[in-house]
Amino acid sequence: MTNLKSSVQRGIKRSVADEFPTLEDIVDDILPKGDLKEAKGKGRINFVVVNKEPAFFRQRTGAMFPTLKMLHRCERPFGAAHPRAVAPPRGSLHTMRRALQAIRASPNAAFEHTWR
C-alpha cells in the first residue's frame, strides 16, 4: 500500500463524483482526506483503500467501481432507488420456479446418472 499525494486524492474524489453524481454530497465522508491509500492487485487493478478497507477499484486509469462492502454500506446513493429496482427479470423467476418444481417432483433425477 502506498500513500497518495493530496493532488491524487483530489483526482480520485473528482472521478468518483463524476462517475456517481449522487455521491457528490457525501464523497468527503466516504473518502476522508489523509486516509486514502492505494493498493495494487493483479491484472493492473488498483484499489483505493480507506482505513485498511478497500472502497473503490479500477483498472489502470479507467472508471472507478465501488467494492461490495461500499455498495452495502451506502446503497441508496449508488442508484438503487427501491429494492425492487434491482430485482431479476420475471422470465428468469418463472424458469427457476419450473426447475425447482421438477427437482421437487423427482429429487434424485438430477443425480441418477452419477450413481449408476
N, C-alpha and C. Protein backbone atom coordinates (compact mmCIF):
# COMPACT_ATOMS: atom_id res chain seq x y z
N MET A 1 0.84 -1.17 0.00
CA MET A 1 0.00 0.00 0.00
C MET A 1 0.89 1.24 0.00
N THR A 2 0.47 2.20 -0.78
CA THR A 2 1.24 3.43 -0.87
C THR A 2 0.36 4.61 -0.49
N ASN A 3 0.97 5.59 0.15
CA ASN A 3 0.25 6.83 0.47
C ASN A 3 0.07 7.63 -0.81
N LEU A 4 -0.98 8.39 -0.88
CA LEU A 4 -1.27 9.20 -2.06
C LEU A 4 -1.05 10.68 -1.77
N LYS A 5 -0.52 11.39 -2.74
CA LYS A 5 -0.37 12.83 -2.60
C LYS A 5 -1.76 13.46 -2.60
N SER A 6 -1.87 14.65 -2.05
CA SER A 6 -3.17 15.30 -1.94
C SER A 6 -3.77 15.59 -3.32
N SER A 7 -2.95 15.86 -4.33
CA SER A 7 -3.48 16.11 -5.67
C SER A 7 -4.09 14.84 -6.26
N VAL A 8 -3.46 13.70 -5.98
CA VAL A 8 -4.01 12.42 -6.46
C VAL A 8 -5.31 12.11 -5.72
N GLN A 9 -5.36 12.41 -4.42
CA GLN A 9 -6.58 12.19 -3.65
C GLN A 9 -7.72 13.04 -4.20
N ARG A 10 -7.44 14.30 -4.53
CA ARG A 10 -8.47 15.16 -5.11
C ARG A 10 -8.94 14.60 -6.45
N GLY A 11 -8.02 14.07 -7.25
CA GLY A 11 -8.39 13.48 -8.52
C GLY A 11 -9.29 12.26 -8.36
N ILE A 12 -9.00 11.44 -7.36
CA ILE A 12 -9.83 10.26 -7.09
C ILE A 12 -11.22 10.71 -6.66
N LYS A 13 -11.30 11.68 -5.77
CA LYS A 13 -12.60 12.18 -5.32
C LYS A 13 -13.39 12.77 -6.49
N ARG A 14 -12.70 13.48 -7.37
CA ARG A 14 -13.35 14.08 -8.52
C ARG A 14 -13.86 12.99 -9.47
N SER A 15 -13.07 11.93 -9.68
CA SER A 15 -13.52 10.87 -10.59
C SER A 15 -14.68 10.09 -10.00
N VAL A 16 -14.70 9.89 -8.68
CA VAL A 16 -15.84 9.22 -8.04
C VAL A 16 -17.09 10.09 -8.16
N ALA A 17 -16.94 11.39 -7.94
CA ALA A 17 -18.09 12.30 -8.05
C ALA A 17 -18.60 12.38 -9.49
N ASP A 18 -17.70 12.32 -10.47
CA ASP A 18 -18.11 12.34 -11.87
C ASP A 18 -18.80 11.04 -12.26
N GLU A 19 -18.29 9.93 -11.76
CA GLU A 19 -18.86 8.62 -12.11
C GLU A 19 -20.21 8.40 -11.43
N PHE A 20 -20.35 8.86 -10.18
CA PHE A 20 -21.58 8.69 -9.40
C PHE A 20 -22.04 10.06 -8.91
N PRO A 21 -22.84 10.78 -9.71
CA PRO A 21 -23.26 12.13 -9.33
C PRO A 21 -24.05 12.20 -8.02
N THR A 22 -24.72 11.12 -7.65
CA THR A 22 -25.49 11.14 -6.40
C THR A 22 -24.59 11.12 -5.17
N LEU A 23 -23.31 10.78 -5.34
CA LEU A 23 -22.38 10.75 -4.21
C LEU A 23 -21.68 12.08 -3.98
N GLU A 24 -21.95 13.05 -4.81
CA GLU A 24 -21.23 14.32 -4.75
C GLU A 24 -21.32 14.97 -3.37
N ASP A 25 -22.45 14.82 -2.70
CA ASP A 25 -22.64 15.44 -1.39
C ASP A 25 -21.86 14.73 -0.29
N ILE A 26 -21.67 13.41 -0.42
CA ILE A 26 -21.05 12.65 0.66
C ILE A 26 -19.69 12.08 0.29
N VAL A 27 -19.11 12.52 -0.81
CA VAL A 27 -17.82 11.96 -1.23
C VAL A 27 -16.72 12.27 -0.21
N ASP A 28 -16.80 13.40 0.50
CA ASP A 28 -15.81 13.72 1.52
C ASP A 28 -15.95 12.82 2.75
N ASP A 29 -17.17 12.34 3.02
CA ASP A 29 -17.38 11.42 4.14
C ASP A 29 -16.90 10.01 3.78
N ILE A 30 -17.12 9.60 2.55
CA ILE A 30 -16.73 8.27 2.11
C ILE A 30 -15.21 8.17 1.96
N LEU A 31 -14.62 9.21 1.39
CA LEU A 31 -13.18 9.24 1.14
C LEU A 31 -12.56 10.41 1.91
N PRO A 32 -12.30 10.25 3.21
CA PRO A 32 -11.77 11.35 4.00
C PRO A 32 -10.34 11.71 3.61
N LYS A 33 -10.02 12.98 3.73
CA LYS A 33 -8.69 13.46 3.34
C LYS A 33 -7.63 12.89 4.29
N GLY A 34 -6.54 12.42 3.73
CA GLY A 34 -5.44 11.91 4.53
C GLY A 34 -5.51 10.42 4.80
N ASP A 35 -6.67 9.81 4.71
CA ASP A 35 -6.80 8.38 4.99
C ASP A 35 -6.78 7.52 3.74
N LEU A 36 -6.60 8.13 2.58
CA LEU A 36 -6.63 7.37 1.33
C LEU A 36 -5.27 6.77 1.03
N LYS A 37 -5.28 5.51 0.65
CA LYS A 37 -4.08 4.81 0.21
C LYS A 37 -4.43 4.02 -1.03
N GLU A 38 -3.41 3.59 -1.74
CA GLU A 38 -3.64 2.82 -2.96
C GLU A 38 -2.91 1.49 -2.84
N ALA A 39 -3.62 0.42 -3.17
CA ALA A 39 -3.03 -0.92 -3.20
C ALA A 39 -3.14 -1.45 -4.62
N LYS A 40 -2.12 -2.16 -5.04
CA LYS A 40 -2.10 -2.68 -6.39
C LYS A 40 -2.38 -4.18 -6.35
N GLY A 41 -3.19 -4.63 -7.31
CA GLY A 41 -3.52 -6.04 -7.41
C GLY A 41 -3.09 -6.60 -8.74
N LYS A 42 -3.39 -7.86 -8.97
CA LYS A 42 -3.05 -8.49 -10.24
C LYS A 42 -3.92 -7.93 -11.36
N GLY A 43 -3.44 -8.02 -12.56
CA GLY A 43 -4.21 -7.56 -13.70
C GLY A 43 -4.31 -6.05 -13.79
N ARG A 44 -3.33 -5.35 -13.24
CA ARG A 44 -3.29 -3.88 -13.27
C ARG A 44 -4.52 -3.25 -12.63
N ILE A 45 -4.98 -3.84 -11.57
CA ILE A 45 -6.13 -3.30 -10.84
C ILE A 45 -5.61 -2.56 -9.62
N ASN A 46 -6.07 -1.34 -9.44
CA ASN A 46 -5.70 -0.51 -8.29
C ASN A 46 -6.90 -0.38 -7.37
N PHE A 47 -6.65 -0.54 -6.08
CA PHE A 47 -7.69 -0.40 -5.07
C PHE A 47 -7.46 0.90 -4.29
N VAL A 48 -8.53 1.64 -4.06
CA VAL A 48 -8.47 2.80 -3.18
C VAL A 48 -8.88 2.30 -1.80
N VAL A 49 -7.98 2.43 -0.84
CA VAL A 49 -8.17 1.87 0.49
C VAL A 49 -8.40 3.01 1.49
N VAL A 50 -9.44 2.86 2.31
CA VAL A 50 -9.76 3.84 3.35
C VAL A 50 -9.79 3.08 4.68
N ASN A 51 -8.94 3.49 5.61
CA ASN A 51 -8.88 2.85 6.93
C ASN A 51 -8.70 1.33 6.82
N LYS A 52 -7.78 0.90 5.97
CA LYS A 52 -7.43 -0.51 5.75
C LYS A 52 -8.55 -1.34 5.14
N GLU A 53 -9.55 -0.69 4.54
CA GLU A 53 -10.63 -1.38 3.84
C GLU A 53 -10.72 -0.87 2.42
N PRO A 54 -10.74 -1.77 1.43
CA PRO A 54 -10.88 -1.29 0.04
C PRO A 54 -12.27 -0.68 -0.18
N ALA A 55 -12.28 0.49 -0.81
CA ALA A 55 -13.54 1.19 -1.03
C ALA A 55 -13.91 1.20 -2.51
N PHE A 56 -12.95 1.46 -3.38
CA PHE A 56 -13.17 1.51 -4.82
C PHE A 56 -12.03 0.80 -5.52
N PHE A 57 -12.27 0.39 -6.76
CA PHE A 57 -11.20 -0.19 -7.55
C PHE A 57 -11.38 0.24 -8.99
N ARG A 58 -10.28 0.15 -9.75
CA ARG A 58 -10.32 0.48 -11.17
C ARG A 58 -9.16 -0.22 -11.86
N GLN A 59 -9.31 -0.40 -13.15
CA GLN A 59 -8.25 -1.00 -13.93
C GLN A 59 -7.48 0.13 -14.60
N ARG A 60 -6.20 0.22 -14.32
CA ARG A 60 -5.33 1.31 -14.76
C ARG A 60 -5.91 2.65 -14.35
N THR A 61 -6.23 3.49 -15.32
CA THR A 61 -6.82 4.79 -15.01
C THR A 61 -8.25 4.86 -15.51
N GLY A 62 -8.94 3.75 -15.54
CA GLY A 62 -10.31 3.69 -16.03
C GLY A 62 -11.31 4.18 -15.00
N ALA A 63 -12.55 3.79 -15.19
CA ALA A 63 -13.64 4.21 -14.32
C ALA A 63 -13.51 3.56 -12.94
N MET A 64 -13.97 4.28 -11.94
CA MET A 64 -13.95 3.78 -10.56
C MET A 64 -15.22 2.96 -10.31
N PHE A 65 -15.05 1.83 -9.62
CA PHE A 65 -16.17 0.97 -9.26
C PHE A 65 -16.13 0.74 -7.75
N PRO A 66 -17.28 0.80 -7.07
CA PRO A 66 -17.28 0.55 -5.63
C PRO A 66 -17.15 -0.94 -5.34
N THR A 67 -16.53 -1.27 -4.22
CA THR A 67 -16.47 -2.66 -3.79
C THR A 67 -17.84 -3.05 -3.22
N LEU A 68 -18.06 -4.33 -3.03
CA LEU A 68 -19.35 -4.78 -2.49
C LEU A 68 -19.60 -4.23 -1.09
N LYS A 69 -18.54 -4.14 -0.31
CA LYS A 69 -18.70 -3.59 1.04
C LYS A 69 -19.18 -2.14 0.99
N MET A 70 -18.62 -1.37 0.06
CA MET A 70 -19.03 0.02 -0.08
C MET A 70 -20.47 0.11 -0.60
N LEU A 71 -20.83 -0.77 -1.52
CA LEU A 71 -22.21 -0.78 -2.02
C LEU A 71 -23.21 -1.06 -0.91
N HIS A 72 -22.89 -2.02 -0.04
CA HIS A 72 -23.81 -2.35 1.04
C HIS A 72 -23.84 -1.27 2.11
N ARG A 73 -22.74 -0.57 2.27
CA ARG A 73 -22.68 0.48 3.29
C ARG A 73 -23.58 1.65 2.92
N CYS A 74 -23.59 2.05 1.66
CA CYS A 74 -24.44 3.18 1.25
C CYS A 74 -25.04 2.86 -0.11
N GLU A 75 -26.05 1.98 -0.12
CA GLU A 75 -26.63 1.51 -1.37
C GLU A 75 -27.52 2.54 -2.04
N ARG A 76 -28.21 3.36 -1.31
CA ARG A 76 -29.12 4.33 -1.92
C ARG A 76 -28.41 5.32 -2.84
N PRO A 77 -27.29 5.93 -2.42
CA PRO A 77 -26.65 6.90 -3.30
C PRO A 77 -26.10 6.31 -4.59
N PHE A 78 -25.88 5.01 -4.65
CA PHE A 78 -25.33 4.41 -5.86
C PHE A 78 -26.38 4.16 -6.94
N GLY A 79 -27.61 4.53 -6.69
CA GLY A 79 -28.60 4.47 -7.75
C GLY A 79 -29.75 3.50 -7.52
N ALA A 80 -29.72 2.70 -6.49
CA ALA A 80 -30.83 1.79 -6.23
C ALA A 80 -31.95 2.58 -5.56
N ALA A 81 -32.91 3.00 -6.35
CA ALA A 81 -33.99 3.83 -5.82
C ALA A 81 -34.94 3.05 -4.92
N HIS A 82 -35.12 1.80 -5.22
CA HIS A 82 -36.07 0.97 -4.49
C HIS A 82 -35.56 -0.46 -4.55
N PRO A 83 -35.76 -1.28 -3.51
CA PRO A 83 -35.27 -2.65 -3.57
C PRO A 83 -35.77 -3.44 -4.79
N ARG A 84 -36.96 -3.13 -5.28
CA ARG A 84 -37.48 -3.83 -6.46
C ARG A 84 -36.75 -3.40 -7.73
N ALA A 85 -36.02 -2.30 -7.67
CA ALA A 85 -35.32 -1.80 -8.86
C ALA A 85 -34.19 -2.73 -9.26
N VAL A 86 -33.68 -3.54 -8.35
CA VAL A 86 -32.59 -4.46 -8.67
C VAL A 86 -33.06 -5.91 -8.67
N ALA A 87 -34.35 -6.14 -8.84
CA ALA A 87 -34.91 -7.49 -8.87
C ALA A 87 -34.59 -8.15 -10.22
N PRO A 88 -34.47 -9.48 -10.25
CA PRO A 88 -34.21 -10.17 -11.51
C PRO A 88 -35.41 -10.08 -12.44
N PRO A 89 -35.22 -10.28 -13.73
CA PRO A 89 -36.35 -10.23 -14.66
C PRO A 89 -37.36 -11.32 -14.36
N ARG A 90 -38.61 -11.06 -14.69
CA ARG A 90 -39.69 -12.00 -14.35
C ARG A 90 -39.53 -13.33 -15.07
N GLY A 91 -39.03 -13.34 -16.29
CA GLY A 91 -38.87 -14.58 -17.03
C GLY A 91 -37.91 -15.54 -16.35
N SER A 92 -36.86 -15.00 -15.74
CA SER A 92 -35.90 -15.87 -15.07
C SER A 92 -36.52 -16.49 -13.82
N LEU A 93 -37.37 -15.74 -13.11
CA LEU A 93 -38.04 -16.29 -11.94
C LEU A 93 -38.96 -17.44 -12.33
N HIS A 94 -39.66 -17.28 -13.44
CA HIS A 94 -40.55 -18.34 -13.91
C HIS A 94 -39.75 -19.59 -14.26
N THR A 95 -38.62 -19.43 -14.93
CA THR A 95 -37.79 -20.57 -15.31
C THR A 95 -37.24 -21.26 -14.07
N MET A 96 -36.76 -20.50 -13.09
CA MET A 96 -36.24 -21.10 -11.86
C MET A 96 -37.33 -21.81 -11.08
N ARG A 97 -38.53 -21.26 -11.06
CA ARG A 97 -39.63 -21.90 -10.35
C ARG A 97 -39.97 -23.24 -10.99
N ARG A 98 -40.00 -23.28 -12.33
CA ARG A 98 -40.29 -24.55 -13.01
C ARG A 98 -39.20 -25.57 -12.76
N ALA A 99 -37.94 -25.16 -12.74
CA ALA A 99 -36.83 -26.07 -12.47
C ALA A 99 -36.92 -26.63 -11.06
N LEU A 100 -37.26 -25.78 -10.08
CA LEU A 100 -37.40 -26.25 -8.71
C LEU A 100 -38.57 -27.22 -8.55
N GLN A 101 -39.65 -26.96 -9.26
CA GLN A 101 -40.79 -27.89 -9.20
C GLN A 101 -40.40 -29.24 -9.77
N ALA A 102 -39.62 -29.26 -10.84
CA ALA A 102 -39.18 -30.52 -11.43
C ALA A 102 -38.25 -31.27 -10.48
N ILE A 103 -37.39 -30.56 -9.79
CA ILE A 103 -36.48 -31.21 -8.84
C ILE A 103 -37.24 -31.74 -7.64
N ARG A 104 -38.25 -31.01 -7.18
CA ARG A 104 -39.06 -31.49 -6.05
C ARG A 104 -39.86 -32.72 -6.41
N ALA A 105 -40.31 -32.79 -7.66
CA ALA A 105 -41.10 -33.95 -8.10
C ALA A 105 -40.24 -35.21 -8.10
N SER A 106 -39.00 -35.10 -8.51
CA SER A 106 -38.10 -36.24 -8.54
C SER A 106 -36.73 -35.79 -8.05
N PRO A 107 -36.50 -35.81 -6.74
CA PRO A 107 -35.27 -35.24 -6.20
C PRO A 107 -33.99 -35.91 -6.69
N ASN A 108 -34.04 -37.19 -7.03
CA ASN A 108 -32.83 -37.90 -7.46
C ASN A 108 -32.66 -37.87 -8.98
N ALA A 109 -33.55 -37.25 -9.71
CA ALA A 109 -33.49 -37.26 -11.17
C ALA A 109 -32.23 -36.57 -11.68
N ALA A 110 -31.82 -35.53 -11.03
CA ALA A 110 -30.65 -34.79 -11.49
C ALA A 110 -29.35 -35.56 -11.23
N PHE A 111 -29.36 -36.49 -10.27
CA PHE A 111 -28.14 -37.18 -9.89
C PHE A 111 -28.13 -38.66 -10.27
N GLU A 112 -29.14 -39.14 -11.00
CA GLU A 112 -29.22 -40.56 -11.34
C GLU A 112 -28.03 -41.03 -12.16
N HIS A 113 -27.58 -40.21 -13.09
CA HIS A 113 -26.51 -40.64 -13.96
C HIS A 113 -25.17 -40.73 -13.23
N THR A 114 -25.01 -40.07 -12.11
CA THR A 114 -23.73 -40.14 -11.38
C THR A 114 -23.63 -41.36 -10.49
N TRP A 115 -24.78 -41.95 -10.10
CA TRP A 115 -24.75 -43.09 -9.20
C TRP A 115 -24.73 -44.41 -9.92
N ARG A 116 -24.97 -44.45 -11.20
CA ARG A 116 -25.00 -45.73 -11.92
C ARG A 116 -23.65 -46.12 -12.40
